[in-house]
Each structure stands twice: as structure tokens, then as C-alpha cells.
N, C-alpha and C. Protein backbone atom coordinates (compact mmCIF):
# COMPACT_ATOMS: atom_id res chain seq x y z
N MET A 1 0.85 -1.21 0.00
CA MET A 1 0.00 0.00 0.00
C MET A 1 0.87 1.24 0.00
N SER A 2 1.95 1.14 0.70
CA SER A 2 2.82 2.31 0.75
C SER A 2 3.41 2.61 -0.62
N CYS A 3 3.71 1.55 -1.31
CA CYS A 3 4.29 1.76 -2.66
C CYS A 3 3.25 2.34 -3.58
N ASN A 4 2.06 1.82 -3.48
CA ASN A 4 1.02 2.35 -4.34
C ASN A 4 0.72 3.79 -4.01
N ASP A 5 0.88 4.09 -2.69
CA ASP A 5 0.63 5.46 -2.31
C ASP A 5 1.72 6.40 -2.85
N MET A 6 2.94 5.86 -2.88
CA MET A 6 4.04 6.68 -3.35
C MET A 6 3.93 6.96 -4.84
N SER A 7 3.42 6.00 -5.52
CA SER A 7 3.27 6.17 -6.96
C SER A 7 1.99 6.88 -7.33
N GLY A 8 1.40 7.45 -6.41
CA GLY A 8 0.14 8.11 -6.66
C GLY A 8 0.31 9.58 -7.00
N PRO A 9 -0.66 10.43 -6.64
CA PRO A 9 -0.63 11.85 -6.98
C PRO A 9 0.48 12.63 -6.31
N SER A 10 1.04 12.16 -5.17
CA SER A 10 2.14 12.88 -4.50
C SER A 10 3.41 12.89 -5.38
N ARG A 11 3.67 11.76 -6.07
CA ARG A 11 4.86 11.70 -6.95
C ARG A 11 4.69 12.63 -8.14
N LEU A 12 3.49 12.72 -8.65
CA LEU A 12 3.23 13.59 -9.78
C LEU A 12 3.41 15.05 -9.41
N GLN A 13 3.19 15.38 -8.10
CA GLN A 13 3.35 16.76 -7.66
C GLN A 13 4.83 17.18 -7.66
N HIS A 14 5.74 16.22 -7.32
CA HIS A 14 7.18 16.53 -7.26
C HIS A 14 7.84 16.51 -8.64
N LEU A 15 7.19 16.01 -9.65
CA LEU A 15 7.80 15.86 -10.99
C LEU A 15 8.12 17.21 -11.63
N PRO A 16 7.28 18.23 -11.66
CA PRO A 16 7.61 19.50 -12.31
C PRO A 16 8.78 20.20 -11.66
N SER A 17 8.94 20.07 -10.38
CA SER A 17 10.06 20.74 -9.73
C SER A 17 11.38 20.15 -10.20
N SER A 18 11.50 18.84 -10.42
CA SER A 18 12.74 18.21 -10.89
C SER A 18 13.06 18.62 -12.34
N VAL A 19 12.06 18.76 -13.16
CA VAL A 19 12.27 19.18 -14.56
C VAL A 19 12.79 20.61 -14.59
N GLU A 20 12.24 21.46 -13.75
CA GLU A 20 12.68 22.85 -13.71
C GLU A 20 14.12 22.94 -13.25
N LYS A 21 14.46 22.10 -12.26
CA LYS A 21 15.84 22.11 -11.78
C LYS A 21 16.80 21.70 -12.90
N ALA A 22 16.41 20.67 -13.65
CA ALA A 22 17.27 20.21 -14.74
C ALA A 22 17.43 21.29 -15.80
N GLU A 23 16.32 21.96 -16.11
CA GLU A 23 16.42 23.03 -17.11
C GLU A 23 17.33 24.16 -16.59
N ALA A 24 17.22 24.49 -15.34
CA ALA A 24 18.07 25.55 -14.76
C ALA A 24 19.54 25.16 -14.83
N LEU A 25 19.81 23.87 -14.51
CA LEU A 25 21.21 23.39 -14.60
C LEU A 25 21.75 23.48 -16.03
N TYR A 26 20.88 23.09 -16.96
CA TYR A 26 21.32 23.15 -18.38
C TYR A 26 21.60 24.58 -18.80
N GLN A 27 20.77 25.51 -18.37
CA GLN A 27 20.97 26.91 -18.72
C GLN A 27 22.27 27.46 -18.10
N GLN A 28 22.51 27.10 -16.85
CA GLN A 28 23.74 27.55 -16.19
C GLN A 28 24.98 26.98 -16.91
N ARG A 29 24.91 25.69 -17.24
CA ARG A 29 26.05 25.08 -17.95
C ARG A 29 26.26 25.74 -19.31
N GLY A 30 25.20 26.06 -20.05
CA GLY A 30 25.33 26.74 -21.34
C GLY A 30 25.96 28.11 -21.20
N GLN A 31 25.51 28.85 -20.14
CA GLN A 31 26.09 30.17 -19.93
C GLN A 31 27.59 30.08 -19.62
N LEU A 32 27.95 29.09 -18.79
CA LEU A 32 29.38 28.90 -18.48
C LEU A 32 30.18 28.58 -19.74
N LYS A 33 29.65 27.73 -20.56
CA LYS A 33 30.34 27.37 -21.82
C LYS A 33 30.51 28.60 -22.72
N GLU A 34 29.46 29.40 -22.81
CA GLU A 34 29.55 30.61 -23.64
C GLU A 34 30.59 31.58 -23.10
N GLU A 35 30.60 31.73 -21.75
CA GLU A 35 31.58 32.63 -21.15
C GLU A 35 33.01 32.14 -21.40
N GLN A 36 33.22 30.82 -21.24
CA GLN A 36 34.56 30.26 -21.48
C GLN A 36 34.98 30.46 -22.95
N LEU A 37 34.03 30.24 -23.85
CA LEU A 37 34.34 30.43 -25.27
C LEU A 37 34.67 31.88 -25.58
N MET A 38 33.91 32.83 -25.03
CA MET A 38 34.18 34.24 -25.26
C MET A 38 35.55 34.63 -24.70
N LYS A 39 35.88 34.11 -23.49
CA LYS A 39 37.18 34.41 -22.90
C LYS A 39 38.33 33.87 -23.78
N LYS A 40 38.10 32.70 -24.27
CA LYS A 40 39.14 32.08 -25.13
C LYS A 40 39.34 32.88 -26.41
N ILE A 41 38.19 33.33 -26.99
CA ILE A 41 38.29 34.12 -28.22
C ILE A 41 38.98 35.45 -27.96
N GLN A 42 38.63 36.10 -26.85
CA GLN A 42 39.26 37.37 -26.50
C GLN A 42 40.77 37.19 -26.26
N LYS A 43 41.12 36.08 -25.61
CA LYS A 43 42.54 35.80 -25.36
C LYS A 43 43.32 35.62 -26.68
N LEU A 44 42.74 34.88 -27.62
CA LEU A 44 43.39 34.68 -28.92
C LEU A 44 43.53 35.99 -29.67
N VAL A 45 42.48 36.82 -29.64
CA VAL A 45 42.54 38.11 -30.33
C VAL A 45 43.61 38.99 -29.71
N GLY A 46 43.70 39.00 -28.35
CA GLY A 46 44.73 39.79 -27.69
C GLY A 46 46.14 39.31 -28.05
N GLU A 47 46.33 37.98 -28.12
CA GLU A 47 47.66 37.46 -28.50
C GLU A 47 48.02 37.86 -29.93
N GLU A 48 47.04 37.81 -30.85
CA GLU A 48 47.31 38.22 -32.24
C GLU A 48 47.67 39.70 -32.31
N GLU A 49 46.97 40.54 -31.51
CA GLU A 49 47.29 41.97 -31.50
C GLU A 49 48.68 42.22 -30.94
N LYS A 50 49.07 41.44 -29.91
CA LYS A 50 50.42 41.58 -29.36
C LYS A 50 51.48 41.20 -30.39
N LEU A 51 51.20 40.15 -31.14
CA LEU A 51 52.17 39.74 -32.16
C LEU A 51 52.29 40.78 -33.27
N ARG A 52 51.19 41.45 -33.57
CA ARG A 52 51.24 42.48 -34.61
C ARG A 52 52.04 43.69 -34.17
N MET A 53 51.97 44.06 -32.92
CA MET A 53 52.64 45.25 -32.42
C MET A 53 54.04 44.86 -31.94
N PRO A 54 55.15 45.44 -32.52
CA PRO A 54 56.51 45.10 -32.06
C PRO A 54 56.78 45.67 -30.68
N ILE A 55 57.43 44.86 -29.87
CA ILE A 55 57.73 45.27 -28.49
C ILE A 55 59.23 45.53 -28.39
N ALA A 56 59.61 46.67 -27.92
CA ALA A 56 61.02 47.01 -27.76
C ALA A 56 61.62 46.19 -26.63
N GLN A 57 62.89 45.77 -26.84
CA GLN A 57 63.57 44.99 -25.82
C GLN A 57 64.00 45.92 -24.68
N GLY A 58 63.80 45.47 -23.51
CA GLY A 58 64.17 46.25 -22.34
C GLY A 58 65.66 46.22 -22.08
N LEU A 59 66.14 47.15 -21.25
CA LEU A 59 67.54 47.22 -20.90
C LEU A 59 67.91 46.05 -19.99
N PRO A 60 69.17 45.63 -20.05
CA PRO A 60 69.57 44.54 -19.13
C PRO A 60 69.53 45.02 -17.69
N TRP A 61 69.35 44.07 -16.78
CA TRP A 61 69.22 44.40 -15.37
C TRP A 61 70.54 44.84 -14.74
N THR A 62 71.64 44.53 -15.35
CA THR A 62 72.94 44.80 -14.73
C THR A 62 73.39 46.24 -14.94
N THR A 63 72.95 46.89 -16.04
CA THR A 63 73.40 48.26 -16.34
C THR A 63 72.21 49.17 -16.52
N ASP A 64 72.46 50.44 -16.25
CA ASP A 64 71.41 51.43 -16.44
C ASP A 64 71.43 51.99 -17.84
N GLU A 65 72.63 52.05 -18.47
CA GLU A 65 72.78 52.59 -19.81
C GLU A 65 73.16 51.47 -20.77
N PRO A 66 72.76 51.62 -22.04
CA PRO A 66 73.14 50.56 -23.00
C PRO A 66 74.65 50.53 -23.22
N LYS A 67 75.19 49.34 -23.31
CA LYS A 67 76.63 49.15 -23.47
C LYS A 67 76.96 49.00 -24.94
N CYS A 68 77.89 49.83 -25.44
CA CYS A 68 78.31 49.74 -26.85
C CYS A 68 79.42 48.70 -26.96
N LEU A 69 79.20 47.74 -27.79
CA LEU A 69 80.19 46.68 -27.97
C LEU A 69 81.35 47.19 -28.82
N ILE A 70 82.55 46.71 -28.51
CA ILE A 70 83.75 47.11 -29.24
C ILE A 70 83.78 46.34 -30.57
N LYS A 71 84.00 47.08 -31.65
CA LYS A 71 84.06 46.45 -32.97
C LYS A 71 85.38 45.71 -33.12
N PRO A 72 85.34 44.56 -33.78
CA PRO A 72 86.60 43.83 -33.99
C PRO A 72 87.49 44.59 -34.97
N PRO A 73 88.80 44.37 -34.91
CA PRO A 73 89.70 45.09 -35.84
C PRO A 73 89.40 44.73 -37.29
N MET A 74 89.47 45.74 -38.14
CA MET A 74 89.18 45.53 -39.56
C MET A 74 90.33 44.79 -40.23
N LYS A 75 89.97 43.79 -41.01
CA LYS A 75 90.98 43.05 -41.77
C LYS A 75 91.34 43.80 -43.04
N LYS A 76 92.56 43.60 -43.47
CA LYS A 76 93.00 44.22 -44.71
C LYS A 76 92.31 43.59 -45.91
N ASN A 77 92.14 44.40 -46.91
CA ASN A 77 91.51 43.88 -48.13
C ASN A 77 92.41 42.84 -48.80
N THR A 78 91.78 41.81 -49.30
CA THR A 78 92.53 40.73 -49.97
C THR A 78 93.04 41.21 -51.32
N ILE A 79 94.36 41.07 -51.52
CA ILE A 79 94.97 41.48 -52.79
C ILE A 79 95.02 40.26 -53.71
N PRO A 80 94.42 40.33 -54.88
CA PRO A 80 94.43 39.16 -55.78
C PRO A 80 95.83 38.90 -56.31
N ILE A 81 96.17 37.62 -56.39
CA ILE A 81 97.49 37.19 -56.89
C ILE A 81 97.33 36.74 -58.34
N ASP A 82 98.30 37.12 -59.15
CA ASP A 82 98.29 36.72 -60.55
C ASP A 82 98.63 35.24 -60.66
N LEU A 83 97.67 34.45 -61.07
CA LEU A 83 97.88 33.00 -61.16
C LEU A 83 98.66 32.66 -62.42
N LYS A 84 99.58 31.71 -62.29
CA LYS A 84 100.36 31.22 -63.43
C LYS A 84 100.00 29.75 -63.65
N LEU A 85 99.17 29.53 -64.62
CA LEU A 85 98.72 28.18 -64.92
C LEU A 85 99.80 27.43 -65.69
N HIS A 86 99.88 26.12 -65.43
CA HIS A 86 100.86 25.29 -66.13
C HIS A 86 100.57 25.23 -67.63
N SER A 87 99.30 25.27 -67.99
CA SER A 87 98.95 25.23 -69.42
C SER A 87 99.43 26.48 -70.13
N ASP A 88 99.34 27.66 -69.45
CA ASP A 88 99.84 28.90 -70.07
C ASP A 88 101.35 28.86 -70.25
N ILE A 89 102.06 28.33 -69.24
CA ILE A 89 103.52 28.23 -69.35
C ILE A 89 103.90 27.30 -70.49
N ARG A 90 103.20 26.17 -70.60
CA ARG A 90 103.48 25.22 -71.68
C ARG A 90 103.19 25.84 -73.04
N ALA A 91 102.13 26.64 -73.12
CA ALA A 91 101.80 27.29 -74.40
C ALA A 91 102.89 28.28 -74.80
N MET A 92 103.41 29.02 -73.83
CA MET A 92 104.50 29.96 -74.13
C MET A 92 105.75 29.23 -74.59
N GLU A 93 106.09 28.14 -73.89
CA GLU A 93 107.27 27.36 -74.29
C GLU A 93 107.08 26.77 -75.68
N ARG A 94 105.89 26.28 -75.95
CA ARG A 94 105.61 25.68 -77.25
C ARG A 94 105.71 26.74 -78.36
N ALA A 95 105.19 27.95 -78.11
CA ALA A 95 105.28 29.02 -79.11
C ALA A 95 106.73 29.41 -79.35
N ARG A 96 107.53 29.47 -78.27
CA ARG A 96 108.95 29.79 -78.43
C ARG A 96 109.67 28.71 -79.24
N PHE A 97 109.35 27.44 -78.94
CA PHE A 97 109.98 26.34 -79.67
C PHE A 97 109.56 26.35 -81.15
N ALA A 98 108.28 26.62 -81.41
CA ALA A 98 107.81 26.68 -82.80
C ALA A 98 108.51 27.82 -83.55
N HIS A 99 108.72 28.95 -82.86
CA HIS A 99 109.43 30.07 -83.50
C HIS A 99 110.88 29.69 -83.81
N GLN A 100 111.54 28.98 -82.89
CA GLN A 100 112.91 28.53 -83.13
C GLN A 100 112.99 27.57 -84.30
N VAL A 101 112.03 26.64 -84.38
CA VAL A 101 112.02 25.68 -85.49
C VAL A 101 111.82 26.39 -86.82
N ALA A 102 110.87 27.36 -86.84
CA ALA A 102 110.62 28.10 -88.08
C ALA A 102 111.85 28.91 -88.49
N GLU A 103 112.52 29.53 -87.49
CA GLU A 103 113.73 30.30 -87.80
C GLU A 103 114.85 29.40 -88.33
N LYS A 104 114.96 28.22 -87.72
CA LYS A 104 115.98 27.28 -88.18
C LYS A 104 115.70 26.81 -89.61
N GLY A 105 114.44 26.50 -89.89
CA GLY A 105 114.07 26.10 -91.25
C GLY A 105 114.34 27.20 -92.27
N ARG A 106 114.05 28.44 -91.87
CA ARG A 106 114.29 29.57 -92.78
C ARG A 106 115.78 29.73 -93.06
N LEU A 107 116.62 29.59 -92.02
CA LEU A 107 118.07 29.71 -92.20
C LEU A 107 118.62 28.59 -93.09
N ILE A 108 118.10 27.35 -92.86
CA ILE A 108 118.56 26.22 -93.68
C ILE A 108 118.18 26.44 -95.14
N LYS A 109 116.97 26.91 -95.37
CA LYS A 109 116.54 27.17 -96.74
C LYS A 109 117.39 28.27 -97.39
N GLN A 110 117.67 29.32 -96.63
CA GLN A 110 118.50 30.41 -97.15
C GLN A 110 119.92 29.91 -97.45
N TYR A 111 120.45 29.05 -96.55
CA TYR A 111 121.79 28.50 -96.77
C TYR A 111 121.83 27.63 -98.03
N LYS A 112 120.79 26.83 -98.24
CA LYS A 112 120.74 25.98 -99.43
C LYS A 112 120.67 26.83 -100.70
N MET A 113 119.85 27.87 -100.68
CA MET A 113 119.74 28.73 -101.85
C MET A 113 121.07 29.43 -102.14
N GLU A 114 121.77 29.90 -101.10
CA GLU A 114 123.07 30.55 -101.29
C GLU A 114 124.11 29.56 -101.82
N ARG A 115 124.04 28.34 -101.30
CA ARG A 115 124.99 27.32 -101.76
C ARG A 115 124.75 26.97 -103.23
N GLU A 116 123.48 26.82 -103.62
CA GLU A 116 123.16 26.53 -105.02
C GLU A 116 123.61 27.68 -105.94
N ARG A 117 123.44 28.91 -105.46
CA ARG A 117 123.84 30.05 -106.28
C ARG A 117 125.36 30.08 -106.46
N GLN A 118 126.10 29.81 -105.34
CA GLN A 118 127.56 29.78 -105.44
C GLN A 118 128.03 28.65 -106.36
N GLN A 119 127.37 27.48 -106.24
CA GLN A 119 127.74 26.35 -107.10
C GLN A 119 127.49 26.67 -108.58
N LYS A 120 126.37 27.32 -108.83
CA LYS A 120 126.06 27.69 -110.21
C LYS A 120 127.09 28.69 -110.76
N LEU A 121 127.48 29.67 -109.95
CA LEU A 121 128.49 30.63 -110.38
C LEU A 121 129.84 29.95 -110.64
N GLU A 122 130.20 29.01 -109.75
CA GLU A 122 131.45 28.28 -109.94
C GLU A 122 131.44 27.46 -111.23
N GLU A 123 130.31 26.83 -111.50
CA GLU A 123 130.21 26.04 -112.74
C GLU A 123 130.34 26.94 -113.98
N GLU A 124 129.68 28.10 -113.93
CA GLU A 124 129.78 29.02 -115.06
C GLU A 124 131.22 29.51 -115.27
N GLU A 125 131.90 29.82 -114.15
CA GLU A 125 133.30 30.24 -114.26
C GLU A 125 134.19 29.13 -114.80
N GLU A 126 133.94 27.89 -114.35
CA GLU A 126 134.72 26.74 -114.84
C GLU A 126 134.50 26.53 -116.33
N ILE A 127 133.26 26.69 -116.76
CA ILE A 127 132.97 26.53 -118.20
C ILE A 127 133.68 27.62 -119.02
N LYS A 128 133.67 28.83 -118.51
CA LYS A 128 134.35 29.93 -119.21
C LYS A 128 135.86 29.68 -119.29
N ARG A 129 136.42 29.18 -118.15
CA ARG A 129 137.85 28.91 -118.13
C ARG A 129 138.22 27.79 -119.10
N LEU A 130 137.42 26.75 -119.13
CA LEU A 130 137.70 25.64 -120.05
C LEU A 130 137.57 26.07 -121.50
N ARG A 131 136.62 26.92 -121.77
CA ARG A 131 136.45 27.40 -123.14
C ARG A 131 137.67 28.21 -123.60
N LYS A 132 138.29 28.98 -122.65
CA LYS A 132 139.47 29.75 -123.00
C LYS A 132 140.69 28.84 -123.21
N GLU A 133 140.81 27.77 -122.38
CA GLU A 133 141.98 26.91 -122.43
C GLU A 133 141.93 25.90 -123.57
N LEU A 134 140.75 25.44 -123.90
CA LEU A 134 140.64 24.38 -124.91
C LEU A 134 141.03 24.91 -126.29
N ILE A 135 141.75 24.04 -127.04
CA ILE A 135 142.13 24.37 -128.42
C ILE A 135 141.40 23.41 -129.34
N PRO A 136 140.67 23.90 -130.27
CA PRO A 136 139.93 22.98 -131.16
C PRO A 136 140.90 22.23 -132.07
N LYS A 137 140.70 20.90 -132.18
CA LYS A 137 141.52 20.04 -133.04
C LYS A 137 140.62 19.34 -134.05
N ALA A 138 141.17 19.17 -135.29
CA ALA A 138 140.40 18.51 -136.34
C ALA A 138 140.42 17.00 -136.12
N GLN A 139 139.28 16.35 -136.34
CA GLN A 139 139.15 14.91 -136.19
C GLN A 139 139.61 14.24 -137.49
N LEU A 140 140.31 13.10 -137.35
CA LEU A 140 140.77 12.35 -138.51
C LEU A 140 139.60 11.74 -139.27
N MET A 141 139.75 11.70 -140.54
CA MET A 141 138.70 11.09 -141.38
C MET A 141 138.80 9.57 -141.31
N PRO A 142 137.70 8.87 -141.36
CA PRO A 142 137.76 7.41 -141.35
C PRO A 142 138.32 6.86 -142.67
N TYR A 143 138.83 5.59 -142.57
CA TYR A 143 139.38 4.93 -143.75
C TYR A 143 138.23 4.21 -144.46
N PHE A 144 137.77 4.82 -145.55
CA PHE A 144 136.66 4.20 -146.27
C PHE A 144 137.14 3.06 -147.20
N ASP A 145 138.47 3.08 -147.60
CA ASP A 145 138.97 2.02 -148.49
C ASP A 145 139.27 0.74 -147.73
N ARG A 146 139.41 0.80 -146.40
CA ARG A 146 139.65 -0.40 -145.60
C ARG A 146 138.53 -0.53 -144.54
N PRO A 147 137.42 -1.05 -144.94
CA PRO A 147 136.34 -1.20 -143.95
C PRO A 147 136.65 -2.29 -142.92
N PHE A 148 136.01 -2.16 -141.73
CA PHE A 148 136.23 -3.13 -140.64
C PHE A 148 135.40 -4.38 -140.91
N VAL A 149 136.12 -5.55 -140.92
CA VAL A 149 135.45 -6.84 -141.11
C VAL A 149 135.73 -7.66 -139.85
N PRO A 150 134.73 -8.09 -139.12
CA PRO A 150 134.97 -8.90 -137.92
C PRO A 150 135.50 -10.28 -138.27
N ARG A 151 136.45 -10.79 -137.45
CA ARG A 151 137.04 -12.10 -137.66
C ARG A 151 136.54 -13.08 -136.60
N ARG A 152 136.65 -14.34 -136.98
CA ARG A 152 136.25 -15.39 -136.06
C ARG A 152 137.34 -15.57 -135.01
N SER A 153 136.94 -15.79 -133.77
CA SER A 153 137.90 -15.97 -132.68
C SER A 153 138.60 -17.31 -132.81
N GLU A 154 139.91 -17.31 -132.48
CA GLU A 154 140.72 -18.53 -132.57
C GLU A 154 140.82 -19.26 -131.23
N LYS A 155 140.18 -18.77 -130.20
CA LYS A 155 140.23 -19.41 -128.90
C LYS A 155 139.40 -20.69 -128.90
N GLN A 156 139.87 -21.68 -128.08
CA GLN A 156 139.17 -22.94 -127.94
C GLN A 156 137.96 -22.76 -127.01
N PRO A 157 136.91 -23.56 -127.26
CA PRO A 157 135.76 -23.44 -126.35
C PRO A 157 136.10 -23.89 -124.93
N THR A 158 135.40 -23.38 -123.96
CA THR A 158 135.63 -23.69 -122.54
C THR A 158 135.16 -25.10 -122.22
N VAL A 159 136.04 -25.89 -121.57
CA VAL A 159 135.73 -27.26 -121.18
C VAL A 159 135.13 -27.21 -119.78
N PRO A 160 133.90 -27.69 -119.60
CA PRO A 160 133.30 -27.65 -118.25
C PRO A 160 133.94 -28.67 -117.32
N ARG A 161 134.06 -28.32 -116.05
CA ARG A 161 134.60 -29.22 -115.04
C ARG A 161 133.56 -29.44 -113.94
N GLU A 162 133.66 -30.61 -113.33
CA GLU A 162 132.73 -30.95 -112.26
C GLU A 162 133.09 -30.15 -111.01
N PRO A 163 132.14 -29.49 -110.40
CA PRO A 163 132.48 -28.71 -109.19
C PRO A 163 132.84 -29.62 -108.03
N LYS A 164 133.71 -29.17 -107.18
CA LYS A 164 134.16 -29.91 -106.00
C LYS A 164 133.56 -29.26 -104.76
N PHE A 165 132.57 -29.94 -104.22
CA PHE A 165 131.91 -29.44 -103.01
C PHE A 165 132.58 -30.06 -101.79
N CYS A 166 132.87 -29.28 -100.82
CA CYS A 166 133.49 -29.76 -99.58
C CYS A 166 132.40 -30.10 -98.58
N ILE A 167 132.19 -31.39 -98.37
CA ILE A 167 131.16 -31.84 -97.43
C ILE A 167 131.84 -32.16 -96.11
N PRO A 168 131.39 -31.60 -94.98
CA PRO A 168 132.01 -31.91 -93.68
C PRO A 168 131.85 -33.38 -93.32
N ARG A 169 132.76 -33.85 -92.44
CA ARG A 169 132.78 -35.26 -92.06
C ARG A 169 131.53 -35.66 -91.29
N HIS A 170 131.08 -34.79 -90.38
CA HIS A 170 129.91 -35.16 -89.56
C HIS A 170 128.66 -35.32 -90.42
N LYS A 171 128.58 -34.55 -91.53
CA LYS A 171 127.42 -34.69 -92.41
C LYS A 171 127.48 -36.00 -93.18
N THR A 172 128.70 -36.39 -93.62
CA THR A 172 128.83 -37.67 -94.34
C THR A 172 128.49 -38.84 -93.43
N ILE A 173 128.94 -38.77 -92.16
CA ILE A 173 128.63 -39.86 -91.22
C ILE A 173 127.13 -39.92 -90.98
N LYS A 174 126.49 -38.75 -90.85
CA LYS A 174 125.04 -38.70 -90.64
C LYS A 174 124.30 -39.32 -91.82
N CYS A 175 124.75 -39.01 -93.05
CA CYS A 175 124.12 -39.58 -94.25
C CYS A 175 124.29 -41.08 -94.29
N CYS A 176 125.48 -41.56 -93.88
CA CYS A 176 125.72 -43.00 -93.86
C CYS A 176 124.81 -43.69 -92.86
N ARG A 177 124.62 -43.04 -91.68
CA ARG A 177 123.75 -43.65 -90.67
C ARG A 177 122.31 -43.70 -91.16
N MET A 178 121.86 -42.64 -91.79
CA MET A 178 120.50 -42.65 -92.31
C MET A 178 120.33 -43.72 -93.37
N SER A 179 121.32 -43.89 -94.23
CA SER A 179 121.22 -44.94 -95.25
C SER A 179 121.24 -46.32 -94.62
N CYS A 180 122.01 -46.47 -93.50
CA CYS A 180 122.04 -47.76 -92.81
C CYS A 180 120.69 -48.06 -92.19
N ASN A 181 120.04 -47.04 -91.65
CA ASN A 181 118.72 -47.26 -91.05
C ASN A 181 117.70 -47.64 -92.11
N ASP A 182 117.84 -47.07 -93.30
CA ASP A 182 116.90 -47.40 -94.38
C ASP A 182 117.08 -48.83 -94.87
N MET A 183 118.28 -49.35 -94.79
CA MET A 183 118.53 -50.73 -95.25
C MET A 183 117.92 -51.71 -94.26
N SER A 184 117.12 -52.62 -94.77
CA SER A 184 116.45 -53.60 -93.88
C SER A 184 116.76 -55.05 -94.25
N GLY A 185 117.20 -55.32 -95.50
CA GLY A 185 117.45 -56.71 -95.93
C GLY A 185 118.88 -57.14 -95.70
N PRO A 186 119.16 -58.49 -95.71
CA PRO A 186 120.54 -58.98 -95.51
C PRO A 186 121.44 -58.65 -96.68
N SER A 187 120.87 -58.55 -97.91
CA SER A 187 121.69 -58.23 -99.08
C SER A 187 122.21 -56.80 -99.00
N GLN A 188 121.41 -55.88 -98.43
CA GLN A 188 121.84 -54.49 -98.30
C GLN A 188 122.90 -54.34 -97.21
N LEU A 189 122.82 -55.16 -96.16
CA LEU A 189 123.80 -55.09 -95.09
C LEU A 189 125.16 -55.59 -95.56
N GLN A 190 125.18 -56.47 -96.53
CA GLN A 190 126.46 -56.98 -97.05
C GLN A 190 127.26 -55.89 -97.74
N HIS A 191 126.57 -54.95 -98.42
CA HIS A 191 127.24 -53.87 -99.13
C HIS A 191 127.57 -52.68 -98.24
N LEU A 192 127.19 -52.70 -96.93
CA LEU A 192 127.39 -51.57 -96.04
C LEU A 192 128.86 -51.24 -95.83
N PRO A 193 129.78 -52.18 -95.52
CA PRO A 193 131.20 -51.82 -95.28
C PRO A 193 131.84 -51.20 -96.51
N SER A 194 131.53 -51.71 -97.69
CA SER A 194 132.14 -51.15 -98.89
C SER A 194 131.70 -49.70 -99.13
N SER A 195 130.40 -49.38 -98.85
CA SER A 195 129.93 -48.00 -99.04
C SER A 195 130.57 -47.05 -98.05
N ILE A 196 130.78 -47.49 -96.80
CA ILE A 196 131.44 -46.65 -95.79
C ILE A 196 132.88 -46.40 -96.20
N GLU A 197 133.57 -47.45 -96.68
CA GLU A 197 134.97 -47.29 -97.10
C GLU A 197 135.06 -46.30 -98.27
N LYS A 198 134.13 -46.38 -99.20
CA LYS A 198 134.14 -45.46 -100.34
C LYS A 198 133.97 -44.01 -99.88
N VAL A 199 133.04 -43.79 -98.94
CA VAL A 199 132.80 -42.43 -98.45
C VAL A 199 134.02 -41.89 -97.74
N GLU A 200 134.68 -42.73 -96.91
CA GLU A 200 135.88 -42.28 -96.20
C GLU A 200 137.01 -41.99 -97.19
N ALA A 201 137.15 -42.82 -98.22
CA ALA A 201 138.20 -42.57 -99.21
C ALA A 201 137.95 -41.26 -99.95
N LEU A 202 136.69 -41.01 -100.33
CA LEU A 202 136.37 -39.75 -100.99
C LEU A 202 136.66 -38.55 -100.10
N TYR A 203 136.35 -38.67 -98.82
CA TYR A 203 136.58 -37.57 -97.88
C TYR A 203 138.06 -37.28 -97.72
N LYS A 204 138.90 -38.37 -97.65
CA LYS A 204 140.34 -38.17 -97.52
C LYS A 204 140.93 -37.54 -98.77
N ASN A 205 140.48 -37.97 -99.95
CA ASN A 205 140.98 -37.39 -101.20
C ASN A 205 140.65 -35.89 -101.27
N ARG A 206 139.43 -35.51 -100.85
CA ARG A 206 139.06 -34.11 -100.90
C ARG A 206 139.86 -33.27 -99.91
N ILE A 207 140.15 -33.86 -98.74
CA ILE A 207 140.98 -33.14 -97.77
C ILE A 207 142.39 -32.91 -98.31
N LEU A 208 142.95 -33.94 -98.97
CA LEU A 208 144.30 -33.84 -99.53
C LEU A 208 144.35 -32.81 -100.66
N GLN A 209 143.28 -32.77 -101.42
CA GLN A 209 143.24 -31.78 -102.51
C GLN A 209 143.19 -30.37 -101.95
């Protein structure tokens, strides 16, 4: 019964007061949110304005007057040095050498021309001298009554002789050995001593000659 009583008209009476409280809380929370948002926007705007406006730096705490720093000593201006490249030096040497070669060639050519001119003058003088010294002489007339008739030679014809070639001993022995190796039958071996004796006799006769 108590529960039924609680769920009756008394509960309905307390219901509007709870709704009003909730609405009031929601309104308060919304107002707080709006205020926080406005404060945040104002803070951002103030920071942007501060960034736009330059702020002068304050004096240091240690001195009352600004301290002028001493300037470092000025360095002397750099004086450029005339560079001497190896390629430029080589080009100068090469030009000097080419000039020397051309001068040498010109001198050699001039010397040759002078020598040819002197030789030509000497030849002309020699011809003039010979012309003065020479005495013209009359040539004898040929004998037309005794014409030249060729005669047959009385010499005997040349008798050919057999050439004598000197064959060294080691070559003759080598030839004999090769011939001995070529011989394979008993009939050829029988004639071997006589052929060796003949070769030795020929060699001795040639040595004696």
C-alpha cells in the first residue's frame, strides 16, 4: 500500500520541480560554456594583436645605460694574386719552340739557296775557263777504203769441269747412318762396309786436294 501510495498523486506533484531544476542546470552550464568560449576568443585576439605590435627589448638588469660593444679590428683587403697556370707556361714554351724551329728552317733554306747560287756561279766560271783553255783540233777522217770486217775468234771453247763441293765429315757420317737405317734386308747389309769405305776414301781425297 505504501508503494502504491508513493506512486500516486504525491509523486506527480514533485515531478515538475525536478524538470525545472534540470532546465536551470542546463541553462547555467550553457552560460558557463559561452563565457569560457568568449574568454578564449578574447585571449586569442589579444595574442594576435600583441604579435602584430613590435615590443622594444628592455635594458639589461645589470646596467642602467646601454653598453656599446667594441668592434673587432678591420681586416685588410685581400689582394688578388696573378695566377700562373701550367697550361699557359706550356703554351708559351711551345710558341717559343715553334718560333725557333721556323727560324731554323728559314736559315737552312737560305743557306741551301746561297749554296746553289755559289755552285752555279762556280760552274759558269769553270765553263768559261775551259772554253778559253781548250784548243779545237780537227778529227781524222775514217778509212773508207779499208772497212772493218769482224774475224772469227781462234780461242778454244771452254771445257766444263765438275764442281768440287766440300762436305764436312759429320754430315757424311750422318748420311751413312740414315742410309744404314733405311737398309732392312741382308743383301743391303752386305754392301754396307764397302759403301762406308768409299765415303771415307772420298773424304780423304778431298781433304788432300
